[in-house]
Full PDB file with SEQRES, HELIX, SHEET, SSBOND, CRYST1, ORIGX, SCALE, CONECT and MASTER records, all heavy atoms in Angstrom:
SEQRES   1 A   41  GLU ASN LEU ALA LYS SER LEU ALA LYS ILE ARG GLY GLU          
SEQRES   2 A   41  VAL GLU THR LEU GLN MET GLN LEU ASP LEU GLU LYS GLU          
SEQRES   3 A   41  LYS HIS GLY SER ARG ILE SER ALA LEU ASN SER GLN LEU          
SEQRES   4 A   41  ALA ASP                                                      
HELIX    1 AA1 ASN A    2  ALA A   40  1                                  39    
CRYST1    1.000    1.000    1.000  90.00  90.00  90.00 P 1           1          
ORIGX1      1.000000  0.000000  0.000000        0.00000                         
ORIGX2      0.000000  1.000000  0.000000        0.00000                         
ORIGX3      0.000000  0.000000  1.000000        0.00000                         
SCALE1      1.000000  0.000000  0.000000        0.00000                         
SCALE2      0.000000  1.000000  0.000000        0.00000                         
SCALE3      0.000000  0.000000  1.000000        0.00000                         
ATOM      1  N   GLU A   1       0.866  -1.196  -0.076  1.00  0.00           N  
ATOM      2  CA  GLU A   1       0.001  -0.046  -0.037  1.00  0.00           C  
ATOM      3  C   GLU A   1       0.880   1.213  -0.028  1.00  0.00           C  
ATOM      4  O   GLU A   1       0.686   2.165  -0.756  1.00  0.00           O  
ATOM      5  CB  GLU A   1      -0.950  -0.055   1.237  1.00  0.00           C  
ATOM      6  CG  GLU A   1      -1.870   1.213   1.264  1.00  0.00           C  
ATOM      7  CD  GLU A   1      -2.755   1.135   2.373  1.00  0.00           C  
ATOM      8  OE1 GLU A   1      -2.697   0.073   3.217  1.00  0.00           O  
ATOM      9  OE2 GLU A   1      -3.546   2.107   2.583  1.00  0.00           O  
ATOM     10  N   ASN A   2       1.885   1.235   0.859  1.00  0.00           N  
ATOM     11  CA  ASN A   2       2.823   2.379   0.826  1.00  0.00           C  
ATOM     12  C   ASN A   2       3.552   2.578  -0.437  1.00  0.00           C  
ATOM     13  O   ASN A   2       3.768   3.738  -1.038  1.00  0.00           O  
ATOM     14  CB  ASN A   2       3.779   2.130   1.984  1.00  0.00           C  
ATOM     15  CG  ASN A   2       3.277   2.270   3.403  1.00  0.00           C  
ATOM     16  OD1 ASN A   2       2.127   2.919   3.503  1.00  0.00           O  
ATOM     17  ND2 ASN A   2       3.859   1.674   4.341  1.00  0.00           N  
ATOM     18  N   LEU A   3       4.006   1.415  -1.137  1.00  0.00           N  
ATOM     19  CA  LEU A   3       4.648   1.522  -2.432  1.00  0.00           C  
ATOM     20  C   LEU A   3       3.667   2.048  -3.487  1.00  0.00           C  
ATOM     21  O   LEU A   3       4.162   2.872  -4.277  1.00  0.00           O  
ATOM     22  CB  LEU A   3       5.072   0.024  -2.786  1.00  0.00           C  
ATOM     23  CG  LEU A   3       5.817  -0.076  -4.192  1.00  0.00           C  
ATOM     24  CD1 LEU A   3       7.102   0.864  -4.129  1.00  0.00           C  
ATOM     25  CD2 LEU A   3       6.246  -1.532  -4.457  1.00  0.00           C  
ATOM     26  N   ALA A   4       2.460   1.675  -3.448  1.00  0.00           N  
ATOM     27  CA  ALA A   4       1.472   2.275  -4.335  1.00  0.00           C  
ATOM     28  C   ALA A   4       1.293   3.659  -4.229  1.00  0.00           C  
ATOM     29  O   ALA A   4       1.161   4.396  -5.138  1.00  0.00           O  
ATOM     30  CB  ALA A   4       0.090   1.478  -4.131  1.00  0.00           C  
ATOM     31  N   LYS A   5       1.231   4.118  -2.959  1.00  0.00           N  
ATOM     32  CA  LYS A   5       1.045   5.525  -2.679  1.00  0.00           C  
ATOM     33  C   LYS A   5       2.241   6.329  -3.101  1.00  0.00           C  
ATOM     34  O   LYS A   5       2.108   7.346  -3.821  1.00  0.00           O  
ATOM     35  CB  LYS A   5       0.840   5.838  -1.134  1.00  0.00           C  
ATOM     36  CG  LYS A   5      -0.374   5.361  -0.627  1.00  0.00           C  
ATOM     37  CD  LYS A   5      -0.585   5.607   0.925  1.00  0.00           C  
ATOM     38  CE  LYS A   5      -1.963   5.252   1.442  1.00  0.00           C  
ATOM     39  NZ  LYS A   5      -2.004   5.505   2.848  1.00  0.00           N  
ATOM     40  N   SER A   6       3.454   5.698  -2.952  1.00  0.00           N  
ATOM     41  CA  SER A   6       4.751   6.459  -3.407  1.00  0.00           C  
ATOM     42  C   SER A   6       4.662   6.507  -4.989  1.00  0.00           C  
ATOM     43  O   SER A   6       5.102   7.492  -5.613  1.00  0.00           O  
ATOM     44  CB  SER A   6       5.947   5.662  -2.939  1.00  0.00           C  
ATOM     45  OG  SER A   6       6.010   5.612  -1.509  1.00  0.00           O  
ATOM     46  N   LEU A   7       4.324   5.382  -5.634  1.00  0.00           N  
ATOM     47  CA  LEU A   7       4.234   5.427  -7.142  1.00  0.00           C  
ATOM     48  C   LEU A   7       3.250   6.511  -7.609  1.00  0.00           C  
ATOM     49  O   LEU A   7       3.543   7.169  -8.520  1.00  0.00           O  
ATOM     50  CB  LEU A   7       3.856   4.055  -7.599  1.00  0.00           C  
ATOM     51  CG  LEU A   7       4.954   2.981  -7.480  1.00  0.00           C  
ATOM     52  CD1 LEU A   7       4.484   1.587  -7.881  1.00  0.00           C  
ATOM     53  CD2 LEU A   7       6.232   3.319  -8.328  1.00  0.00           C  
ATOM     54  N   ALA A   8       2.107   6.548  -6.895  1.00  0.00           N  
ATOM     55  CA  ALA A   8       1.034   7.424  -7.312  1.00  0.00           C  
ATOM     56  C   ALA A   8       1.546   8.802  -7.126  1.00  0.00           C  
ATOM     57  O   ALA A   8       1.375   9.771  -7.987  1.00  0.00           O  
ATOM     58  CB  ALA A   8      -0.217   7.250  -6.542  1.00  0.00           C  
ATOM     59  N   LYS A   9       2.305   9.230  -6.104  1.00  0.00           N  
ATOM     60  CA  LYS A   9       2.927  10.490  -5.902  1.00  0.00           C  
ATOM     61  C   LYS A   9       3.914  10.820  -6.867  1.00  0.00           C  
ATOM     62  O   LYS A   9       3.935  11.937  -7.458  1.00  0.00           O  
ATOM     63  CB  LYS A   9       3.517  10.437  -4.528  1.00  0.00           C  
ATOM     64  CG  LYS A   9       4.099  11.915  -4.128  1.00  0.00           C  
ATOM     65  CD  LYS A   9       4.794  11.847  -2.760  1.00  0.00           C  
ATOM     66  CE  LYS A   9       5.301  13.204  -2.370  1.00  0.00           C  
ATOM     67  NZ  LYS A   9       5.941  13.224  -1.067  1.00  0.00           N  
ATOM     68  N   ILE A  10       4.834   9.830  -7.234  1.00  0.00           N  
ATOM     69  CA  ILE A  10       5.918  10.011  -8.166  1.00  0.00           C  
ATOM     70  C   ILE A  10       5.151  10.365  -9.572  1.00  0.00           C  
ATOM     71  O   ILE A  10       5.607  11.228 -10.270  1.00  0.00           O  
ATOM     72  CB  ILE A  10       6.813   8.927  -8.310  1.00  0.00           C  
ATOM     73  CG1 ILE A  10       7.601   8.811  -6.926  1.00  0.00           C  
ATOM     74  CG2 ILE A  10       7.747   9.037  -9.440  1.00  0.00           C  
ATOM     75  CD1 ILE A  10       8.411   7.523  -6.849  1.00  0.00           C  
ATOM     76  N   ARG A  11       4.133   9.525  -9.895  1.00  0.00           N  
ATOM     77  CA  ARG A  11       3.491   9.822 -11.122  1.00  0.00           C  
ATOM     78  C   ARG A  11       2.875  11.138 -11.225  1.00  0.00           C  
ATOM     79  O   ARG A  11       2.919  11.713 -12.251  1.00  0.00           O  
ATOM     80  CB  ARG A  11       2.395   8.656 -11.343  1.00  0.00           C  
ATOM     81  CG  ARG A  11       1.800   8.671 -12.721  1.00  0.00           C  
ATOM     82  CD  ARG A  11       0.607   7.607 -12.814  1.00  0.00           C  
ATOM     83  NE  ARG A  11       1.118   6.174 -12.715  1.00  0.00           N  
ATOM     84  CZ  ARG A  11       1.002   5.405 -11.676  1.00  0.00           C  
ATOM     85  NH1 ARG A  11       0.117   5.876 -10.654  1.00  0.00           N  
ATOM     86  NH2 ARG A  11       1.434   4.286 -11.562  1.00  0.00           N  
ATOM     87  N   GLY A  12       2.367  11.578 -10.156  1.00  0.00           N  
ATOM     88  CA  GLY A  12       1.779  12.894 -10.182  1.00  0.00           C  
ATOM     89  C   GLY A  12       2.764  13.938 -10.340  1.00  0.00           C  
ATOM     90  O   GLY A  12       2.694  15.037 -11.063  1.00  0.00           O  
ATOM     91  N   GLU A  13       4.072  13.898  -9.684  1.00  0.00           N  
ATOM     92  CA  GLU A  13       5.130  14.705  -9.838  1.00  0.00           C  
ATOM     93  C   GLU A  13       5.596  14.752 -11.264  1.00  0.00           C  
ATOM     94  O   GLU A  13       5.988  15.823 -11.869  1.00  0.00           O  
ATOM     95  CB  GLU A  13       6.165  14.360  -8.936  1.00  0.00           C  
ATOM     96  CG  GLU A  13       5.770  14.588  -7.374  1.00  0.00           C  
ATOM     97  CD  GLU A  13       6.918  14.137  -6.487  1.00  0.00           C  
ATOM     98  OE1 GLU A  13       7.820  13.505  -6.939  1.00  0.00           O  
ATOM     99  OE2 GLU A  13       6.832  14.397  -5.172  1.00  0.00           O  
ATOM    100  N   VAL A  14       5.658  13.630 -11.854  1.00  0.00           N  
ATOM    101  CA  VAL A  14       6.125  13.518 -13.234  1.00  0.00           C  
ATOM    102  C   VAL A  14       5.225  14.179 -14.155  1.00  0.00           C  
ATOM    103  O   VAL A  14       5.682  14.869 -15.066  1.00  0.00           O  
ATOM    104  CB  VAL A  14       6.299  11.989 -13.620  1.00  0.00           C  
ATOM    105  CG1 VAL A  14       6.513  11.891 -15.198  1.00  0.00           C  
ATOM    106  CG2 VAL A  14       7.587  11.405 -12.884  1.00  0.00           C  
ATOM    107  N   GLU A  15       3.865  13.970 -13.964  1.00  0.00           N  
ATOM    108  CA  GLU A  15       2.904  14.615 -14.790  1.00  0.00           C  
ATOM    109  C   GLU A  15       2.968  16.199 -14.739  1.00  0.00           C  
ATOM    110  O   GLU A  15       2.930  16.966 -15.623  1.00  0.00           O  
ATOM    111  CB  GLU A  15       1.498  14.173 -14.504  1.00  0.00           C  
ATOM    112  CG  GLU A  15       1.239  12.786 -14.865  1.00  0.00           C  
ATOM    113  CD  GLU A  15      -0.152  12.251 -14.396  1.00  0.00           C  
ATOM    114  OE1 GLU A  15      -0.792  12.982 -13.690  1.00  0.00           O  
ATOM    115  OE2 GLU A  15      -0.574  11.169 -14.783  1.00  0.00           O  
ATOM    116  N   THR A  16       3.207  16.619 -13.380  1.00  0.00           N  
ATOM    117  CA  THR A  16       3.388  18.094 -13.212  1.00  0.00           C  
ATOM    118  C   THR A  16       4.559  18.563 -13.858  1.00  0.00           C  
ATOM    119  O   THR A  16       4.474  19.711 -14.547  1.00  0.00           O  
ATOM    120  CB  THR A  16       3.535  18.384 -11.693  1.00  0.00           C  
ATOM    121  OG1 THR A  16       2.360  17.783 -11.050  1.00  0.00           O  
ATOM    122  CG2 THR A  16       3.558  19.783 -11.350  1.00  0.00           C  
ATOM    123  N   LEU A  17       5.729  17.961 -13.769  1.00  0.00           N  
ATOM    124  CA  LEU A  17       6.955  18.373 -14.471  1.00  0.00           C  
ATOM    125  C   LEU A  17       6.794  18.303 -15.982  1.00  0.00           C  
ATOM    126  O   LEU A  17       7.232  19.232 -16.729  1.00  0.00           O  
ATOM    127  CB  LEU A  17       8.108  17.373 -14.032  1.00  0.00           C  
ATOM    128  CG  LEU A  17       8.562  17.578 -12.579  1.00  0.00           C  
ATOM    129  CD1 LEU A  17       9.587  16.509 -12.148  1.00  0.00           C  
ATOM    130  CD2 LEU A  17       9.070  18.944 -12.369  1.00  0.00           C  
ATOM    131  N   GLN A  18       6.072  17.332 -16.507  1.00  0.00           N  
ATOM    132  CA  GLN A  18       5.801  17.305 -17.892  1.00  0.00           C  
ATOM    133  C   GLN A  18       4.999  18.535 -18.427  1.00  0.00           C  
ATOM    134  O   GLN A  18       5.305  19.039 -19.534  1.00  0.00           O  
ATOM    135  CB  GLN A  18       5.071  16.000 -18.331  1.00  0.00           C  
ATOM    136  CG  GLN A  18       4.908  15.818 -19.823  1.00  0.00           C  
ATOM    137  CD  GLN A  18       6.194  15.657 -20.569  1.00  0.00           C  
ATOM    138  OE1 GLN A  18       7.034  14.822 -20.169  1.00  0.00           O  
ATOM    139  NE2 GLN A  18       6.356  16.442 -21.590  1.00  0.00           N  
ATOM    140  N   MET A  19       4.008  18.866 -17.616  1.00  0.00           N  
ATOM    141  CA  MET A  19       3.114  19.981 -17.884  1.00  0.00           C  
ATOM    142  C   MET A  19       3.967  21.305 -18.002  1.00  0.00           C  
ATOM    143  O   MET A  19       3.891  22.142 -18.796  1.00  0.00           O  
ATOM    144  CB  MET A  19       2.098  20.185 -16.943  1.00  0.00           C  
ATOM    145  CG  MET A  19       0.944  19.029 -17.094  1.00  0.00           C  
ATOM    146  SD  MET A  19      -0.375  19.229 -15.830  1.00  0.00           S  
ATOM    147  CE  MET A  19      -1.031  20.795 -16.223  1.00  0.00           C  
ATOM    148  N   GLN A  20       4.907  21.406 -16.949  1.00  0.00           N  
ATOM    149  CA  GLN A  20       5.777  22.605 -16.807  1.00  0.00           C  
ATOM    150  C   GLN A  20       6.810  22.612 -18.065  1.00  0.00           C  
ATOM    151  O   GLN A  20       6.932  23.628 -18.549  1.00  0.00           O  
ATOM    152  CB  GLN A  20       6.484  22.541 -15.567  1.00  0.00           C  
ATOM    153  CG  GLN A  20       5.689  22.713 -14.277  1.00  0.00           C  
ATOM    154  CD  GLN A  20       6.506  22.621 -12.941  1.00  0.00           C  
ATOM    155  OE1 GLN A  20       7.667  22.319 -13.067  1.00  0.00           O  
ATOM    156  NE2 GLN A  20       5.799  22.949 -11.911  1.00  0.00           N  
ATOM    157  N   LEU A  21       7.190  21.405 -18.413  1.00  0.00           N  
ATOM    158  CA  LEU A  21       8.186  21.250 -19.520  1.00  0.00           C  
ATOM    159  C   LEU A  21       7.454  21.798 -20.770  1.00  0.00           C  
ATOM    160  O   LEU A  21       7.922  22.500 -21.693  1.00  0.00           O  
ATOM    161  CB  LEU A  21       8.805  19.941 -19.702  1.00  0.00           C  
ATOM    162  CG  LEU A  21       9.689  19.629 -20.768  1.00  0.00           C  
ATOM    163  CD1 LEU A  21      10.849  20.599 -20.733  1.00  0.00           C  
ATOM    164  CD2 LEU A  21      10.108  18.231 -20.930  1.00  0.00           C  
ATOM    165  N   ASP A  22       6.202  21.218 -21.046  1.00  0.00           N  
ATOM    166  CA  ASP A  22       5.450  21.665 -22.211  1.00  0.00           C  
ATOM    167  C   ASP A  22       5.160  23.175 -22.263  1.00  0.00           C  
ATOM    168  O   ASP A  22       5.164  23.740 -23.364  1.00  0.00           O  
ATOM    169  CB  ASP A  22       4.079  20.887 -22.240  1.00  0.00           C  
ATOM    170  CG  ASP A  22       4.278  19.400 -22.475  1.00  0.00           C  
ATOM    171  OD1 ASP A  22       5.458  18.924 -22.944  1.00  0.00           O  
ATOM    172  OD2 ASP A  22       3.469  18.522 -22.177  1.00  0.00           O  
ATOM    173  N   LEU A  23       4.855  23.687 -21.043  1.00  0.00           N  
ATOM    174  CA  LEU A  23       4.573  25.142 -20.921  1.00  0.00           C  
ATOM    175  C   LEU A  23       5.830  25.952 -21.329  1.00  0.00           C  
ATOM    176  O   LEU A  23       5.788  27.005 -22.119  1.00  0.00           O  
ATOM    177  CB  LEU A  23       4.186  25.462 -19.562  1.00  0.00           C  
ATOM    178  CG  LEU A  23       3.657  26.916 -19.339  1.00  0.00           C  
ATOM    179  CD1 LEU A  23       2.569  27.315 -20.297  1.00  0.00           C  
ATOM    180  CD2 LEU A  23       3.295  27.193 -17.948  1.00  0.00           C  
ATOM    181  N   GLU A  24       7.027  25.510 -20.777  1.00  0.00           N  
ATOM    182  CA  GLU A  24       8.252  26.206 -21.059  1.00  0.00           C  
ATOM    183  C   GLU A  24       8.612  26.060 -22.496  1.00  0.00           C  
ATOM    184  O   GLU A  24       9.025  27.032 -23.142  1.00  0.00           O  
ATOM    185  CB  GLU A  24       9.305  25.642 -20.163  1.00  0.00           C  
ATOM    186  CG  GLU A  24       9.249  25.969 -18.672  1.00  0.00           C  
ATOM    187  CD  GLU A  24       9.363  27.563 -18.501  1.00  0.00           C  
ATOM    188  OE1 GLU A  24      10.104  28.093 -19.288  1.00  0.00           O  
ATOM    189  OE2 GLU A  24       8.629  27.936 -17.644  1.00  0.00           O  
ATOM    190  N   LYS A  25       8.320  24.913 -23.162  1.00  0.00           N  
ATOM    191  CA  LYS A  25       8.581  24.745 -24.624  1.00  0.00           C  
ATOM    192  C   LYS A  25       7.757  25.748 -25.424  1.00  0.00           C  
ATOM    193  O   LYS A  25       8.254  26.298 -26.423  1.00  0.00           O  
ATOM    194  CB  LYS A  25       8.283  23.279 -24.994  1.00  0.00           C  
ATOM    195  CG  LYS A  25       9.335  22.354 -24.593  1.00  0.00           C  
ATOM    196  CD  LYS A  25       8.989  20.898 -25.112  1.00  0.00           C  
ATOM    197  CE  LYS A  25      10.060  19.897 -24.728  1.00  0.00           C  
ATOM    198  NZ  LYS A  25       9.713  18.600 -25.293  1.00  0.00           N  
ATOM    199  N   GLU A  26       6.396  25.868 -25.036  1.00  0.00           N  
ATOM    200  CA  GLU A  26       5.539  26.842 -25.743  1.00  0.00           C  
ATOM    201  C   GLU A  26       6.014  28.202 -25.466  1.00  0.00           C  
ATOM    202  O   GLU A  26       6.040  28.995 -26.512  1.00  0.00           O  
ATOM    203  CB  GLU A  26       4.156  26.587 -25.165  1.00  0.00           C  
ATOM    204  CG  GLU A  26       3.120  27.402 -25.857  1.00  0.00           C  
ATOM    205  CD  GLU A  26       1.694  27.204 -25.335  1.00  0.00           C  
ATOM    206  OE1 GLU A  26       1.619  26.217 -24.494  1.00  0.00           O  
ATOM    207  OE2 GLU A  26       0.817  27.950 -25.675  1.00  0.00           O  
ATOM    208  N   LYS A  27       6.471  28.579 -24.284  1.00  0.00           N  
ATOM    209  CA  LYS A  27       6.959  29.957 -24.082  1.00  0.00           C  
ATOM    210  C   LYS A  27       8.203  30.140 -24.869  1.00  0.00           C  
ATOM    211  O   LYS A  27       8.455  31.270 -25.503  1.00  0.00           O  
ATOM    212  CB  LYS A  27       7.270  30.163 -22.578  1.00  0.00           C  
ATOM    213  CG  LYS A  27       6.056  30.269 -21.696  1.00  0.00           C  
ATOM    214  CD  LYS A  27       6.473  30.534 -20.308  1.00  0.00           C  
ATOM    215  CE  LYS A  27       5.231  30.723 -19.324  1.00  0.00           C  
ATOM    216  NZ  LYS A  27       5.646  30.841 -17.901  1.00  0.00           N  
ATOM    217  N   HIS A  28       9.032  29.168 -24.985  1.00  0.00           N  
ATOM    218  CA  HIS A  28      10.344  29.327 -25.684  1.00  0.00           C  
ATOM    219  C   HIS A  28       9.997  29.490 -27.175  1.00  0.00           C  
ATOM    220  O   HIS A  28      10.686  30.328 -27.879  1.00  0.00           O  
ATOM    221  CB  HIS A  28      11.241  28.114 -25.509  1.00  0.00           C  
ATOM    222  CG  HIS A  28      12.494  28.197 -26.303  1.00  0.00           C  
ATOM    223  ND1 HIS A  28      13.502  29.009 -25.763  1.00  0.00           N  
ATOM    224  CD2 HIS A  28      12.960  27.538 -27.259  1.00  0.00           C  
ATOM    225  CE1 HIS A  28      14.611  28.713 -26.666  1.00  0.00           C  
ATOM    226  NE2 HIS A  28      14.176  27.919 -27.595  1.00  0.00           N  
ATOM    227  N   GLY A  29       9.072  28.712 -27.744  1.00  0.00           N  
ATOM    228  CA  GLY A  29       8.710  28.829 -29.031  1.00  0.00           C  
ATOM    229  C   GLY A  29       8.113  30.205 -29.339  1.00  0.00           C  
ATOM    230  O   GLY A  29       8.508  30.768 -30.440  1.00  0.00           O  
ATOM    231  N   SER A  30       7.286  30.727 -28.459  1.00  0.00           N  
ATOM    232  CA  SER A  30       6.669  32.107 -28.646  1.00  0.00           C  
ATOM    233  C   SER A  30       7.767  33.092 -28.713  1.00  0.00           C  
ATOM    234  O   SER A  30       7.804  34.075 -29.501  1.00  0.00           O  
ATOM    235  CB  SER A  30       5.688  32.330 -27.661  1.00  0.00           C  
ATOM    236  OG  SER A  30       4.646  31.406 -27.694  1.00  0.00           O  
ATOM    237  N   ARG A  31       8.708  32.967 -27.715  1.00  0.00           N  
ATOM    238  CA  ARG A  31       9.797  34.033 -27.666  1.00  0.00           C  
ATOM    239  C   ARG A  31      10.688  34.039 -28.895  1.00  0.00           C  
ATOM    240  O   ARG A  31      11.117  35.000 -29.402  1.00  0.00           O  
ATOM    241  CB  ARG A  31      10.692  33.685 -26.356  1.00  0.00           C  
ATOM    242  CG  ARG A  31      11.824  34.684 -26.154  1.00  0.00           C  
ATOM    243  CD  ARG A  31      12.470  34.370 -24.904  1.00  0.00           C  
ATOM    244  NE  ARG A  31      13.620  35.377 -24.609  1.00  0.00           N  
ATOM    245  CZ  ARG A  31      13.546  36.596 -24.375  1.00  0.00           C  
ATOM    246  NH1 ARG A  31      12.297  37.187 -24.265  1.00  0.00           N  
ATOM    247  NH2 ARG A  31      14.656  37.450 -24.178  1.00  0.00           N  
ATOM    248  N   ILE A  32      10.967  32.711 -29.450  1.00  0.00           N  
ATOM    249  CA  ILE A  32      11.812  32.687 -30.663  1.00  0.00           C  
ATOM    250  C   ILE A  32      11.191  33.297 -31.807  1.00  0.00           C  
ATOM    251  O   ILE A  32      11.688  34.011 -32.629  1.00  0.00           O  
ATOM    252  CB  ILE A  32      12.051  31.206 -30.882  1.00  0.00           C  
ATOM    253  CG1 ILE A  32      13.118  30.500 -29.916  1.00  0.00           C  
ATOM    254  CG2 ILE A  32      12.658  31.156 -32.363  1.00  0.00           C  
ATOM    255  CD1 ILE A  32      14.463  31.307 -29.802  1.00  0.00           C  
ATOM    256  N   SER A  33       9.773  33.100 -31.857  1.00  0.00           N  
ATOM    257  CA  SER A  33       9.051  33.753 -32.923  1.00  0.00           C  
ATOM    258  C   SER A  33       9.015  35.247 -32.844  1.00  0.00           C  
ATOM    259  O   SER A  33       9.252  35.863 -33.803  1.00  0.00           O  
ATOM    260  CB  SER A  33       7.564  33.278 -32.935  1.00  0.00           C  
ATOM    261  OG  SER A  33       7.498  31.756 -33.143  1.00  0.00           O  
ATOM    262  N   ALA A  34       8.867  35.826 -31.605  1.00  0.00           N  
ATOM    263  CA  ALA A  34       8.889  37.202 -31.437  1.00  0.00           C  
ATOM    264  C   ALA A  34      10.304  37.715 -31.717  1.00  0.00           C  
ATOM    265  O   ALA A  34      10.459  38.860 -32.409  1.00  0.00           O  
ATOM    266  CB  ALA A  34       8.576  37.517 -30.001  1.00  0.00           C  
ATOM    267  N   LEU A  35      11.292  36.945 -31.359  1.00  0.00           N  
ATOM    268  CA  LEU A  35      12.764  37.561 -31.700  1.00  0.00           C  
ATOM    269  C   LEU A  35      12.989  37.472 -33.156  1.00  0.00           C  
ATOM    270  O   LEU A  35      13.657  38.484 -33.656  1.00  0.00           O  
ATOM    271  CB  LEU A  35      13.712  36.610 -30.866  1.00  0.00           C  
ATOM    272  CG  LEU A  35      13.747  36.782 -29.412  1.00  0.00           C  
ATOM    273  CD1 LEU A  35      14.763  35.825 -28.819  1.00  0.00           C  
ATOM    274  CD2 LEU A  35      14.230  38.251 -29.023  1.00  0.00           C  
ATOM    275  N   ASN A  36      12.467  36.426 -33.835  1.00  0.00           N  
ATOM    276  CA  ASN A  36      12.647  36.381 -35.245  1.00  0.00           C  
ATOM    277  C   ASN A  36      11.959  37.564 -36.026  1.00  0.00           C  
ATOM    278  O   ASN A  36      12.445  38.066 -36.947  1.00  0.00           O  
ATOM    279  CB  ASN A  36      12.144  34.978 -35.841  1.00  0.00           C  
ATOM    280  CG  ASN A  36      13.076  33.956 -35.521  1.00  0.00           C  
ATOM    281  OD1 ASN A  36      14.313  34.021 -35.349  1.00  0.00           O  
ATOM    282  ND2 ASN A  36      12.466  32.689 -35.394  1.00  0.00           N  
ATOM    283  N   SER A  37      10.660  37.948 -35.455  1.00  0.00           N  
ATOM    284  CA  SER A  37       9.950  39.030 -36.095  1.00  0.00           C  
ATOM    285  C   SER A  37      10.844  40.317 -35.814  1.00  0.00           C  
ATOM    286  O   SER A  37      10.888  41.100 -36.676  1.00  0.00           O  
ATOM    287  CB  SER A  37       8.664  39.104 -35.351  1.00  0.00           C  
ATOM    288  OG  SER A  37       7.838  40.234 -35.817  1.00  0.00           O  
ATOM    289  N   GLN A  38      11.279  40.483 -34.560  1.00  0.00           N  
ATOM    290  CA  GLN A  38      12.047  41.690 -34.313  1.00  0.00           C  
ATOM    291  C   GLN A  38      13.378  41.700 -35.083  1.00  0.00           C  
ATOM    292  O   GLN A  38      13.759  42.834 -35.617  1.00  0.00           O  
ATOM    293  CB  GLN A  38      12.406  41.764 -32.800  1.00  0.00           C  
ATOM    294  CG  GLN A  38      11.239  41.962 -31.971  1.00  0.00           C  
ATOM    295  CD  GLN A  38      11.669  42.120 -30.564  1.00  0.00           C  
ATOM    296  OE1 GLN A  38      12.701  42.563 -30.134  1.00  0.00           O  
ATOM    297  NE2 GLN A  38      10.683  41.798 -29.592  1.00  0.00           N  
ATOM    298  N   LEU A  39      13.936  40.571 -35.379  1.00  0.00           N  
ATOM    299  CA  LEU A  39      15.144  40.506 -36.086  1.00  0.00           C  
ATOM    300  C   LEU A  39      14.798  40.999 -37.641  1.00  0.00           C  
ATOM    301  O   LEU A  39      15.605  41.639 -38.389  1.00  0.00           O  
ATOM    302  CB  LEU A  39      15.775  39.121 -36.182  1.00  0.00           C  
ATOM    303  CG  LEU A  39      17.042  38.961 -37.002  1.00  0.00           C  
ATOM    304  CD1 LEU A  39      18.230  39.813 -36.584  1.00  0.00           C  
ATOM    305  CD2 LEU A  39      17.443  37.413 -36.818  1.00  0.00           C  
ATOM    306  N   ALA A  40      13.626  40.529 -38.165  1.00  0.00           N  
ATOM    307  CA  ALA A  40      13.234  40.965 -39.438  1.00  0.00           C  
ATOM    308  C   ALA A  40      13.065  42.467 -39.437  1.00  0.00           C  
ATOM    309  O   ALA A  40      13.421  43.067 -40.534  1.00  0.00           O  
ATOM    310  CB  ALA A  40      11.992  40.178 -39.814  1.00  0.00           C  
ATOM    311  N   ASP A  41      12.409  42.980 -38.432  1.00  0.00           N  
ATOM    312  CA  ASP A  41      12.190  44.456 -38.445  1.00  0.00           C  
ATOM    313  C   ASP A  41      13.577  45.211 -38.496  1.00  0.00           C  
ATOM    314  O   ASP A  41      13.792  46.289 -39.150  1.00  0.00           O  
ATOM    315  CB  ASP A  41      11.358  44.890 -37.205  1.00  0.00           C  
ATOM    316  CG  ASP A  41       9.954  44.403 -37.102  1.00  0.00           C  
ATOM    317  OD1 ASP A  41       9.501  44.144 -38.331  1.00  0.00           O  
ATOM    318  OD2 ASP A  41       9.364  44.202 -36.124  1.00  0.00           O  
TER     319      ASP A  41                                                      
MASTER        0    0    0    1    0    0    0    6  318    1    0    4          
END                                                                             
């Protein structure tokens, strides 16, 4: 039971980190697009 709880907690942490990583990737992509636009200007 303790092992199952630990696995569930780790799985939740992994999902949270994955969401944060996806968000950072999206922010990075938006920033690169903005910088490319400014570079063109």
